[in-house]
Amino acid sequence: MTKATDAELWQRASAGEAAAFGVLFERYARPVYNYCFRRTGDWSTAEDLTSVVFLEAWRRRDSAVLESDSVRPWLLGVATNVVRHRWRTERRHRAALTRLPRERRRN
């Protein structure tokens, strides 16, 4: 049996085939996790972000166009955006906490 290419699996996933997307997840969950971990330094955060990356990939599967035969570069691009969003959210949260009166702060 020939191993399906990423492009073939992506095309099938784009058509709604969850099993094809599952194969892509199995291929790339570890590299995406490692990428997120290297950027956050926290294994729990990296796990959460990996989930978000694949959720976004599933949501955008029918509109995303692969530039190569591999899904990996596209997934890492999504991961970059997810990590940046996380940083922005944390920065905004810290800024909001500094605006609270001292007696109301809880972190």
PDB file of N, CA and C in Angstrom:
ATOM      1  N   MET A   1       0.835  -1.175   0.000  1.00  0.00           N
ATOM      2  CA  MET A   1       0.000   0.000   0.000  1.00  0.00           C
ATOM      3  C   MET A   1       0.886   1.246   0.000  1.00  0.00           C
ATOM      4  N   THR A   2       0.598   2.167  -0.886  1.00  0.00           N
ATOM      5  CA  THR A   2       1.358   3.390  -1.013  1.00  0.00           C
ATOM      6  C   THR A   2       0.870   4.409   0.008  1.00  0.00           C
ATOM      7  N   LYS A   3       1.818   5.074   0.618  1.00  0.00           N
ATOM      8  CA  LYS A   3       1.493   6.104   1.590  1.00  0.00           C
ATOM      9  C   LYS A   3       0.954   7.338   0.855  1.00  0.00           C
ATOM     10  N   ALA A   4      -0.204   7.818   1.289  1.00  0.00           N
ATOM     11  CA  ALA A   4      -0.827   8.981   0.646  1.00  0.00           C
ATOM     12  C   ALA A   4       0.011  10.224   0.913  1.00  0.00           C
ATOM     13  N   THR A   5       0.111  11.086  -0.079  1.00  0.00           N
ATOM     14  CA  THR A   5       0.855  12.334   0.083  1.00  0.00           C
ATOM     15  C   THR A   5       0.024  13.324   0.885  1.00  0.00           C
ATOM     16  N   ASP A   6       0.696  14.341   1.387  1.00  0.00           N
ATOM     17  CA  ASP A   6      -0.020  15.398   2.102  1.00  0.00           C
ATOM     18  C   ASP A   6      -1.049  16.066   1.201  1.00  0.00           C
ATOM     19  N   ALA A   7      -0.662  16.311  -0.041  1.00  0.00           N
ATOM     20  CA  ALA A   7      -1.577  16.971  -0.971  1.00  0.00           C
ATOM     21  C   ALA A   7      -2.848  16.139  -1.171  1.00  0.00           C
ATOM     22  N   GLU A   8      -2.686  14.831  -1.305  1.00  0.00           N
ATOM     23  CA  GLU A   8      -3.860  13.948  -1.465  1.00  0.00           C
ATOM     24  C   GLU A   8      -4.714  13.968  -0.206  1.00  0.00           C
ATOM     25  N   LEU A   9      -4.063  13.864   0.939  1.00  0.00           N
ATOM     26  CA  LEU A   9      -4.806  13.867   2.202  1.00  0.00           C
ATOM     27  C   LEU A   9      -5.507  15.202   2.419  1.00  0.00           C
ATOM     28  N   TRP A  10      -4.821  16.296   2.069  1.00  0.00           N
ATOM     29  CA  TRP A  10      -5.425  17.620   2.230  1.00  0.00           C
ATOM     30  C   TRP A  10      -6.648  17.773   1.343  1.00  0.00           C
ATOM     31  N   GLN A  11      -6.552  17.268   0.126  1.00  0.00           N
ATOM     32  CA  GLN A  11      -7.686  17.343  -0.797  1.00  0.00           C
ATOM     33  C   GLN A  11      -8.870  16.549  -0.230  1.00  0.00           C
ATOM     34  N   ARG A  12      -8.596  15.370   0.301  1.00  0.00           N
ATOM     35  CA  ARG A  12      -9.672  14.553   0.888  1.00  0.00           C
ATOM     36  C   ARG A  12     -10.242  15.214   2.145  1.00  0.00           C
ATOM     37  N   ALA A  13      -9.356  15.796   2.966  1.00  0.00           N
ATOM     38  CA  ALA A  13      -9.821  16.491   4.172  1.00  0.00           C
ATOM     39  C   ALA A  13     -10.663  17.705   3.793  1.00  0.00           C
ATOM     40  N   SER A  14     -10.261  18.395   2.733  1.00  0.00           N
ATOM     41  CA  SER A  14     -11.020  19.558   2.258  1.00  0.00           C
ATOM     42  C   SER A  14     -12.418  19.177   1.825  1.00  0.00           C
ATOM     43  N   ALA A  15     -12.559  17.938   1.379  1.00  0.00           N
ATOM     44  CA  ALA A  15     -13.867  17.439   0.974  1.00  0.00           C
ATOM     45  C   ALA A  15     -14.669  16.940   2.182  1.00  0.00           C
ATOM     46  N   GLY A  16     -14.076  17.036   3.383  1.00  0.00           N
ATOM     47  CA  GLY A  16     -14.795  16.656   4.592  1.00  0.00           C
ATOM     48  C   GLY A  16     -14.432  15.305   5.166  1.00  0.00           C
ATOM     49  N   GLU A  17     -13.416  14.661   4.637  1.00  0.00           N
ATOM     50  CA  GLU A  17     -13.033  13.339   5.127  1.00  0.00           C
ATOM     51  C   GLU A  17     -12.187  13.489   6.391  1.00  0.00           C
ATOM     52  N   ALA A  18     -12.797  13.261   7.536  1.00  0.00           N
ATOM     53  CA  ALA A  18     -12.133  13.437   8.824  1.00  0.00           C
ATOM     54  C   ALA A  18     -10.949  12.484   8.995  1.00  0.00           C
ATOM     55  N   ALA A  19     -11.049  11.281   8.458  1.00  0.00           N
ATOM     56  CA  ALA A  19      -9.962  10.305   8.605  1.00  0.00           C
ATOM     57  C   ALA A  19      -8.681  10.795   7.926  1.00  0.00           C
ATOM     58  N   ALA A  20      -8.816  11.452   6.789  1.00  0.00           N
ATOM     59  CA  ALA A  20      -7.649  12.002   6.093  1.00  0.00           C
ATOM     60  C   ALA A  20      -7.011  13.106   6.931  1.00  0.00           C
ATOM     61  N   PHE A  21      -7.837  13.938   7.535  1.00  0.00           N
ATOM     62  CA  PHE A  21      -7.320  14.980   8.412  1.00  0.00           C
ATOM     63  C   PHE A  21      -6.633  14.353   9.625  1.00  0.00           C
ATOM     64  N   GLY A  22      -7.187  13.261  10.113  1.00  0.00           N
ATOM     65  CA  GLY A  22      -6.588  12.544  11.240  1.00  0.00           C
ATOM     66  C   GLY A  22      -5.193  12.039  10.924  1.00  0.00           C
ATOM     67  N   VAL A  23      -4.987  11.575   9.704  1.00  0.00           N
ATOM     68  CA  VAL A  23      -3.649  11.128   9.287  1.00  0.00           C
ATOM     69  C   VAL A  23      -2.686  12.308   9.285  1.00  0.00           C
ATOM     70  N   LEU A  24      -3.130  13.451   8.790  1.00  0.00           N
ATOM     71  CA  LEU A  24      -2.290  14.651   8.805  1.00  0.00           C
ATOM     72  C   LEU A  24      -1.972  15.071  10.237  1.00  0.00           C
ATOM     73  N   PHE A  25      -2.952  14.961  11.113  1.00  0.00           N
ATOM     74  CA  PHE A  25      -2.718  15.275  12.520  1.00  0.00           C
ATOM     75  C   PHE A  25      -1.641  14.356  13.085  1.00  0.00           C
ATOM     76  N   GLU A  26      -1.756  13.062  12.820  1.00  0.00           N
ATOM     77  CA  GLU A  26      -0.765  12.112  13.330  1.00  0.00           C
ATOM     78  C   GLU A  26       0.633  12.403  12.776  1.00  0.00           C
ATOM     79  N   ARG A  27       0.717  12.849  11.548  1.00  0.00           N
ATOM     80  CA  ARG A  27       2.010  13.173  10.942  1.00  0.00           C
ATOM     81  C   ARG A  27       2.638  14.427  11.533  1.00  0.00           C
ATOM     82  N   TYR A  28       1.820  15.419  11.833  1.00  0.00           N
ATOM     83  CA  TYR A  28       2.360  16.735  12.145  1.00  0.00           C
ATOM     84  C   TYR A  28       2.072  17.282  13.537  1.00  0.00           C
ATOM     85  N   ALA A  29       1.377  16.550  14.372  1.00  0.00           N
ATOM     86  CA  ALA A  29       1.097  17.050  15.724  1.00  0.00           C
ATOM     87  C   ALA A  29       2.392  17.258  16.500  1.00  0.00           C
ATOM     88  N   ARG A  30       3.308  16.326  16.412  1.00  0.00           N
ATOM     89  CA  ARG A  30       4.569  16.449  17.150  1.00  0.00           C
ATOM     90  C   ARG A  30       5.405  17.644  16.664  1.00  0.00           C
ATOM     91  N   PRO A  31       5.622  17.815  15.354  1.00  0.00           N
ATOM     92  CA  PRO A  31       6.382  18.995  14.927  1.00  0.00           C
ATOM     93  C   PRO A  31       5.704  20.318  15.292  1.00  0.00           C
ATOM     94  N   VAL A  32       4.385  20.368  15.210  1.00  0.00           N
ATOM     95  CA  VAL A  32       3.670  21.591  15.579  1.00  0.00           C
ATOM     96  C   VAL A  32       3.814  21.836  17.077  1.00  0.00           C
ATOM     97  N   TYR A  33       3.672  20.781  17.875  1.00  0.00           N
ATOM     98  CA  TYR A  33       3.853  20.901  19.325  1.00  0.00           C
ATOM     99  C   TYR A  33       5.259  21.413  19.644  1.00  0.00           C
ATOM    100  N   ASN A  34       6.279  20.809  19.031  1.00  0.00           N
ATOM    101  CA  ASN A  34       7.665  21.225  19.276  1.00  0.00           C
ATOM    102  C   ASN A  34       7.867  22.698  18.913  1.00  0.00           C
ATOM    103  N   TYR A  35       7.300  23.110  17.802  1.00  0.00           N
ATOM    104  CA  TYR A  35       7.393  24.498  17.356  1.00  0.00           C
ATOM    105  C   TYR A  35       6.774  25.431  18.410  1.00  0.00           C
ATOM    106  N   CYS A  36       5.579  25.081  18.866  1.00  0.00           N
ATOM    107  CA  CYS A  36       4.895  25.901  19.873  1.00  0.00           C
ATOM    108  C   CYS A  36       5.662  25.897  21.194  1.00  0.00           C
ATOM    109  N   PHE A  37       6.202  24.752  21.566  1.00  0.00           N
ATOM    110  CA  PHE A  37       6.960  24.666  22.814  1.00  0.00           C
ATOM    111  C   PHE A  37       8.212  25.535  22.763  1.00  0.00           C
ATOM    112  N   ARG A  38       8.913  25.500  21.639  1.00  0.00           N
ATOM    113  CA  ARG A  38      10.124  26.325  21.514  1.00  0.00           C
ATOM    114  C   ARG A  38       9.805  27.812  21.623  1.00  0.00           C
ATOM    115  N   ARG A  39       8.624  28.218  21.231  1.00  0.00           N
ATOM    116  CA  ARG A  39       8.265  29.625  21.280  1.00  0.00           C
ATOM    117  C   ARG A  39       7.661  30.051  22.615  1.00  0.00           C
ATOM    118  N   THR A  40       7.098  29.104  23.357  1.00  0.00           N
ATOM    119  CA  THR A  40       6.461  29.469  24.623  1.00  0.00           C
ATOM    120  C   THR A  40       7.255  29.022  25.840  1.00  0.00           C
ATOM    121  N   GLY A  41       8.011  27.944  25.712  1.00  0.00           N
ATOM    122  CA  GLY A  41       8.764  27.419  26.843  1.00  0.00           C
ATOM    123  C   GLY A  41       7.896  26.735  27.881  1.00  0.00           C
ATOM    124  N   ASP A  42       6.680  26.425  27.525  1.00  0.00           N
ATOM    125  CA  ASP A  42       5.754  25.807  28.470  1.00  0.00           C
ATOM    126  C   ASP A  42       5.026  24.659  27.772  1.00  0.00           C
ATOM    127  N   TRP A  43       5.170  23.448  28.323  1.00  0.00           N
ATOM    128  CA  TRP A  43       4.592  22.281  27.642  1.00  0.00           C
ATOM    129  C   TRP A  43       3.073  22.322  27.617  1.00  0.00           C
ATOM    130  N   SER A  44       2.455  22.808  28.687  1.00  0.00           N
ATOM    131  CA  SER A  44       0.992  22.860  28.740  1.00  0.00           C
ATOM    132  C   SER A  44       0.443  23.871  27.726  1.00  0.00           C
ATOM    133  N   THR A  45       1.075  25.025  27.661  1.00  0.00           N
ATOM    134  CA  THR A  45       0.674  26.036  26.682  1.00  0.00           C
ATOM    135  C   THR A  45       0.870  25.508  25.269  1.00  0.00           C
ATOM    136  N   ALA A  46       1.980  24.809  25.042  1.00  0.00           N
ATOM    137  CA  ALA A  46       2.248  24.241  23.717  1.00  0.00           C
ATOM    138  C   ALA A  46       1.181  23.224  23.328  1.00  0.00           C
ATOM    139  N   GLU A  47       0.731  22.430  24.292  1.00  0.00           N
ATOM    140  CA  GLU A  47      -0.354  21.474  24.002  1.00  0.00           C
ATOM    141  C   GLU A  47      -1.629  22.212  23.613  1.00  0.00           C
ATOM    142  N   ASP A  48      -1.965  23.241  24.373  1.00  0.00           N
ATOM    143  CA  ASP A  48      -3.169  24.026  24.067  1.00  0.00           C
ATOM    144  C   ASP A  48      -3.074  24.662  22.681  1.00  0.00           C
ATOM    145  N   LEU A  49      -1.919  25.244  22.392  1.00  0.00           N
ATOM    146  CA  LEU A  49      -1.744  25.918  21.105  1.00  0.00           C
ATOM    147  C   LEU A  49      -1.761  24.923  19.949  1.00  0.00           C
ATOM    148  N   THR A  50      -1.219  23.736  20.168  1.00  0.00           N
ATOM    149  CA  THR A  50      -1.259  22.698  19.129  1.00  0.00           C
ATOM    150  C   THR A  50      -2.709  22.356  18.795  1.00  0.00           C
ATOM    151  N   SER A  51      -3.529  22.248  19.816  1.00  0.00           N
ATOM    152  CA  SER A  51      -4.955  21.988  19.591  1.00  0.00           C
ATOM    153  C   SER A  51      -5.593  23.102  18.781  1.00  0.00           C
ATOM    154  N   VAL A  52      -5.256  24.337  19.112  1.00  0.00           N
ATOM    155  CA  VAL A  52      -5.816  25.484  18.404  1.00  0.00           C
ATOM    156  C   VAL A  52      -5.369  25.479  16.946  1.00  0.00           C
ATOM    157  N   VAL A  53      -4.102  25.143  16.706  1.00  0.00           N
ATOM    158  CA  VAL A  53      -3.584  25.088  15.331  1.00  0.00           C
ATOM    159  C   VAL A  53      -4.398  24.114  14.496  1.00  0.00           C
ATOM    160  N   PHE A  54      -4.638  22.919  15.025  1.00  0.00           N
ATOM    161  CA  PHE A  54      -5.369  21.929  14.239  1.00  0.00           C
ATOM    162  C   PHE A  54      -6.858  22.250  14.148  1.00  0.00           C
ATOM    163  N   LEU A  55      -7.393  22.918  15.138  1.00  0.00           N
ATOM    164  CA  LEU A  55      -8.773  23.381  15.033  1.00  0.00           C
ATOM    165  C   LEU A  55      -8.892  24.408  13.914  1.00  0.00           C
ATOM    166  N   GLU A  56      -7.951  25.357  13.869  1.00  0.00           N
ATOM    167  CA  GLU A  56      -7.945  26.357  12.793  1.00  0.00           C
ATOM    168  C   GLU A  56      -7.732  25.694  11.433  1.00  0.00           C
ATOM    169  N   ALA A  57      -6.852  24.709  11.382  1.00  0.00           N
ATOM    170  CA  ALA A  57      -6.612  23.993  10.119  1.00  0.00           C
ATOM    171  C   ALA A  57      -7.896  23.311   9.646  1.00  0.00           C
ATOM    172  N   TRP A  58      -8.611  22.691  10.566  1.00  0.00           N
ATOM    173  CA  TRP A  58      -9.872  22.035  10.195  1.00  0.00           C
ATOM    174  C   TRP A  58     -10.887  23.063   9.704  1.00  0.00           C
ATOM    175  N   ARG A  59     -10.974  24.182  10.410  1.00  0.00           N
ATOM    176  CA  ARG A  59     -11.929  25.227  10.018  1.00  0.00           C
ATOM    177  C   ARG A  59     -11.610  25.822   8.655  1.00  0.00           C
ATOM    178  N   ARG A  60     -10.326  25.941   8.347  1.00  0.00           N
ATOM    179  CA  ARG A  60      -9.915  26.604   7.105  1.00  0.00           C
ATOM    180  C   ARG A  60      -9.539  25.617   6.003  1.00  0.00           C
ATOM    181  N   ARG A  61      -9.824  24.348   6.193  1.00  0.00           N
ATOM    182  CA  ARG A  61      -9.366  23.316   5.258  1.00  0.00           C
ATOM    183  C   ARG A  61      -9.890  23.497   3.836  1.00  0.00           C
ATOM    184  N   ASP A  62     -11.079  24.048   3.701  1.00  0.00           N
ATOM    185  CA  ASP A  62     -11.627  24.180   2.347  1.00  0.00           C
ATOM    186  C   ASP A  62     -11.206  25.477   1.657  1.00  0.00           C
ATOM    187  N   SER A  63     -10.606  26.407   2.399  1.00  0.00           N
ATOM    188  CA  SER A  63     -10.180  27.657   1.774  1.00  0.00           C
ATOM    189  C   SER A  63      -8.659  27.776   1.646  1.00  0.00           C
ATOM    190  N   ALA A  64      -7.920  26.959   2.376  1.00  0.00           N
ATOM    191  CA  ALA A  64      -6.456  27.041   2.338  1.00  0.00           C
ATOM    192  C   ALA A  64      -5.919  26.381   1.072  1.00  0.00           C
ATOM    193  N   VAL A  65      -4.932  27.029   0.499  1.00  0.00           N
ATOM    194  CA  VAL A  65      -4.276  26.501  -0.692  1.00  0.00           C
ATOM    195  C   VAL A  65      -2.824  26.209  -0.331  1.00  0.00           C
ATOM    196  N   LEU A  66      -2.422  24.970  -0.529  1.00  0.00           N
ATOM    197  CA  LEU A  66      -1.045  24.588  -0.211  1.00  0.00           C
ATOM    198  C   LEU A  66      -0.102  25.073  -1.296  1.00  0.00           C
ATOM    199  N   GLU A  67       1.033  25.624  -0.867  1.00  0.00           N
ATOM    200  CA  GLU A  67       2.036  26.111  -1.815  1.00  0.00           C
ATOM    201  C   GLU A  67       3.001  25.004  -2.229  1.00  0.00           C
ATOM    202  N   SER A  68       3.018  23.920  -1.468  1.00  0.00           N
ATOM    203  CA  SER A  68       3.899  22.796  -1.784  1.00  0.00           C
ATOM    204  C   SER A  68       3.126  21.506  -1.553  1.00  0.00           C
ATOM    205  N   ASP A  69       3.816  20.396  -1.720  1.00  0.00           N
ATOM    206  CA  ASP A  69       3.167  19.093  -1.505  1.00  0.00           C
ATOM    207  C   ASP A  69       3.036  18.753  -0.029  1.00  0.00           C
ATOM    208  N   SER A  70       3.674  19.538   0.829  1.00  0.00           N
ATOM    209  CA  SER A  70       3.643  19.280   2.263  1.00  0.00           C
ATOM    210  C   SER A  70       2.713  20.249   2.974  1.00  0.00           C
ATOM    211  N   VAL A  71       1.994  19.742   3.946  1.00  0.00           N
ATOM    212  CA  VAL A  71       1.108  20.563   4.760  1.00  0.00           C
ATOM    213  C   VAL A  71       1.903  21.247   5.879  1.00  0.00           C
ATOM    214  N   ARG A  72       3.063  20.717   6.185  1.00  0.00           N
ATOM    215  CA  ARG A  72       3.852  21.213   7.314  1.00  0.00           C
ATOM    216  C   ARG A  72       4.124  22.722   7.269  1.00  0.00           C
ATOM    217  N   PRO A  73       4.608  23.295   6.173  1.00  0.00           N
ATOM    218  CA  PRO A  73       4.854  24.744   6.189  1.00  0.00           C
ATOM    219  C   PRO A  73       3.594  25.563   6.479  1.00  0.00           C
ATOM    220  N   TRP A  74       2.482  25.133   5.935  1.00  0.00           N
ATOM    221  CA  TRP A  74       1.231  25.849   6.179  1.00  0.00           C
ATOM    222  C   TRP A  74       0.824  25.739   7.647  1.00  0.00           C
ATOM    223  N   LEU A  75       0.947  24.535   8.209  1.00  0.00           N
ATOM    224  CA  LEU A  75       0.609  24.352   9.617  1.00  0.00           C
ATOM    225  C   LEU A  75       1.509  25.183  10.524  1.00  0.00           C
ATOM    226  N   LEU A  76       2.792  25.262  10.193  1.00  0.00           N
ATOM    227  CA  LEU A  76       3.701  26.069  11.011  1.00  0.00           C
ATOM    228  C   LEU A  76       3.392  27.554  10.865  1.00  0.00           C
ATOM    229  N   GLY A  77       2.896  27.964   9.714  1.00  0.00           N
ATOM    230  CA  GLY A  77       2.435  29.345   9.552  1.00  0.00           C
ATOM    231  C   GLY A  77       1.231  29.626  10.433  1.00  0.00           C
ATOM    232  N   VAL A  78       0.310  28.678  10.469  1.00  0.00           N
ATOM    233  CA  VAL A  78      -0.850  28.816  11.358  1.00  0.00           C
ATOM    234  C   VAL A  78      -0.368  28.866  12.804  1.00  0.00           C
ATOM    235  N   ALA A  79       0.590  28.005  13.142  1.00  0.00           N
ATOM    236  CA  ALA A  79       1.132  27.983  14.509  1.00  0.00           C
ATOM    237  C   ALA A  79       1.766  29.327  14.865  1.00  0.00           C
ATOM    238  N   THR A  80       2.479  29.930  13.933  1.00  0.00           N
ATOM    239  CA  THR A  80       3.083  31.242  14.181  1.00  0.00           C
ATOM    240  C   THR A  80       2.015  32.253  14.537  1.00  0.00           C
ATOM    241  N   ASN A  81       0.939  32.266  13.787  1.00  0.00           N
ATOM    242  CA  ASN A  81      -0.154  33.202  14.049  1.00  0.00           C
ATOM    243  C   ASN A  81      -0.841  32.915  15.380  1.00  0.00           C
ATOM    244  N   VAL A  82      -1.008  31.647  15.709  1.00  0.00           N
ATOM    245  CA  VAL A  82      -1.646  31.272  16.975  1.00  0.00           C
ATOM    246  C   VAL A  82      -0.776  31.704  18.155  1.00  0.00           C
ATOM    247  N   VAL A  83       0.532  31.492  18.058  1.00  0.00           N
ATOM    248  CA  VAL A  83       1.445  31.902  19.132  1.00  0.00           C
ATOM    249  C   VAL A  83       1.435  33.423  19.275  1.00  0.00           C
ATOM    250  N   ARG A  84       1.490  34.146  18.164  1.00  0.00           N
ATOM    251  CA  ARG A  84       1.442  35.614  18.229  1.00  0.00           C
ATOM    252  C   ARG A  84       0.152  36.099  18.871  1.00  0.00           C
ATOM    253  N   HIS A  85      -0.948  35.467  18.526  1.00  0.00           N
ATOM    254  CA  HIS A  85      -2.232  35.843  19.119  1.00  0.00           C
ATOM    255  C   HIS A  85      -2.204  35.617  20.626  1.00  0.00           C
ATOM    256  N   ARG A  86      -1.630  34.511  21.043  1.00  0.00           N
ATOM    257  CA  ARG A  86      -1.521  34.196  22.476  1.00  0.00           C
ATOM    258  C   ARG A  86      -0.707  35.271  23.199  1.00  0.00           C
ATOM    259  N   TRP A  87       0.431  35.664  22.587  1.00  0.00           N
ATOM    260  CA  TRP A  87       1.266  36.708  23.188  1.00  0.00           C
ATOM    261  C   TRP A  87       0.501  38.019  23.311  1.00  0.00           C
ATOM    262  N   ARG A  88      -0.222  38.403  22.260  1.00  0.00           N
ATOM    263  CA  ARG A  88      -1.004  39.645  22.294  1.00  0.00           C
ATOM    264  C   ARG A  88      -2.055  39.592  23.392  1.00  0.00           C
ATOM    265  N   THR A  89      -2.726  38.454  23.499  1.00  0.00           N
ATOM    266  CA  THR A  89      -3.756  38.291  24.518  1.00  0.00           C
ATOM    267  C   THR A  89      -3.158  38.429  25.908  1.00  0.00           C
ATOM    268  N   GLU A  90      -2.019  37.778  26.136  1.00  0.00           N
ATOM    269  CA  GLU A  90      -1.374  37.868  27.450  1.00  0.00           C
ATOM    270  C   GLU A  90      -0.909  39.293  27.743  1.00  0.00           C
ATOM    271  N   ARG A  91      -0.365  39.960  26.752  1.00  0.00           N
ATOM    272  CA  ARG A  91       0.094  41.339  26.930  1.00  0.00           C
ATOM    273  C   ARG A  91      -1.094  42.255  27.273  1.00  0.00           C
ATOM    274  N   ARG A  92      -2.206  42.082  26.586  1.00  0.00           N
ATOM    275  CA  ARG A  92      -3.395  42.892  26.864  1.00  0.00           C
ATOM    276  C   ARG A  92      -3.942  42.609  28.262  1.00  0.00           C
ATOM    277  N   HIS A  93      -3.900  41.348  28.656  1.00  0.00           N
ATOM    278  CA  HIS A  93      -4.379  40.967  29.982  1.00  0.00           C
ATOM    279  C   HIS A  93      -3.511  41.624  31.067  1.00  0.00           C
ATOM    280  N   ARG A  94      -2.192  41.552  30.907  1.00  0.00           N
ATOM    281  CA  ARG A  94      -1.292  42.188  31.882  1.00  0.00           C
ATOM    282  C   ARG A  94      -1.527  43.697  31.931  1.00  0.00           C
ATOM    283  N   ALA A  95      -1.706  44.308  30.769  1.00  0.00           N
ATOM    284  CA  ALA A  95      -1.949  45.748  30.724  1.00  0.00           C
ATOM    285  C   ALA A  95      -3.259  46.100  31.435  1.00  0.00           C
ATOM    286  N   ALA A  96      -4.270  45.285  31.247  1.00  0.00           N
ATOM    287  CA  ALA A  96      -5.555  45.529  31.902  1.00  0.00           C
ATOM    288  C   ALA A  96      -5.414  45.402  33.419  1.00  0.00           C
ATOM    289  N   LEU A  97      -4.632  44.431  33.873  1.00  0.00           N
ATOM    290  CA  LEU A  97      -4.424  44.262  35.313  1.00  0.00           C
ATOM    291  C   LEU A  97      -3.721  45.463  35.926  1.00  0.00           C
ATOM    292  N   THR A  98      -2.804  46.055  35.198  1.00  0.00           N
ATOM    293  CA  THR A  98      -2.095  47.222  35.748  1.00  0.00           C
ATOM    294  C   THR A  98      -3.008  48.438  35.865  1.00  0.00           C
ATOM    295  N   ARG A  99      -4.093  48.458  35.117  1.00  0.00           N
ATOM    296  CA  ARG A  99      -5.032  49.584  35.196  1.00  0.00           C
ATOM    297  C   ARG A  99      -6.023  49.444  36.351  1.00  0.00           C
ATOM    298  N   LEU A 100      -6.112  48.260  36.940  1.00  0.00           N
ATOM    299  CA  LEU A 100      -7.024  48.060  38.067  1.00  0.00           C
ATOM    300  C   LEU A 100      -6.478  48.736  39.318  1.00  0.00           C
ATOM    301  N   PRO A 101      -7.361  49.222  40.168  1.00  0.00           N
ATOM    302  CA  PRO A 101      -6.894  49.733  41.461  1.00  0.00           C
ATOM    303  C   PRO A 101      -6.183  48.615  42.231  1.00  0.00           C
ATOM    304  N   ARG A 102      -5.179  48.964  42.984  1.00  0.00           N
ATOM    305  CA  ARG A 102      -4.316  47.979  43.653  1.00  0.00           C
ATOM    306  C   ARG A 102      -5.111  46.965  44.483  1.00  0.00           C
ATOM    307  N   GLU A 103      -6.103  47.372  45.231  1.00  0.00           N
ATOM    308  CA  GLU A 103      -6.840  46.454  46.122  1.00  0.00           C
ATOM    309  C   GLU A 103      -7.714  45.462  45.353  1.00  0.00           C
ATOM    310  N   ARG A 104      -7.968  45.684  44.058  1.00  0.00           N
ATOM    311  CA  ARG A 104      -8.809  44.773  43.279  1.00  0.00           C
ATOM    312  C   ARG A 104      -8.009  43.762  42.490  1.00  0.00           C
ATOM    313  N   ARG A 105      -6.698  43.886  42.407  1.00  0.00           N
ATOM    314  CA  ARG A 105      -5.860  42.963  41.636  1.00  0.00           C
ATOM    315  C   ARG A 105      -5.822  41.596  42.277  1.00  0.00           C
ATOM    316  N   ARG A 106      -5.785  40.573  41.412  1.00  0.00           N
ATOM    317  CA  ARG A 106      -5.736  39.189  41.930  1.00  0.00           C
ATOM    318  C   ARG A 106      -4.644  38.378  41.268  1.00  0.00           C
ATOM    319  N   ASN A 107      -3.671  38.923  40.670  1.00  0.00           N
ATOM    320  CA  ASN A 107      -2.588  38.129  40.061  1.00  0.00           C
ATOM    321  C   ASN A 107      -1.296  38.747  40.341  1.00  0.00           C
TER     322      ASN A 107
END
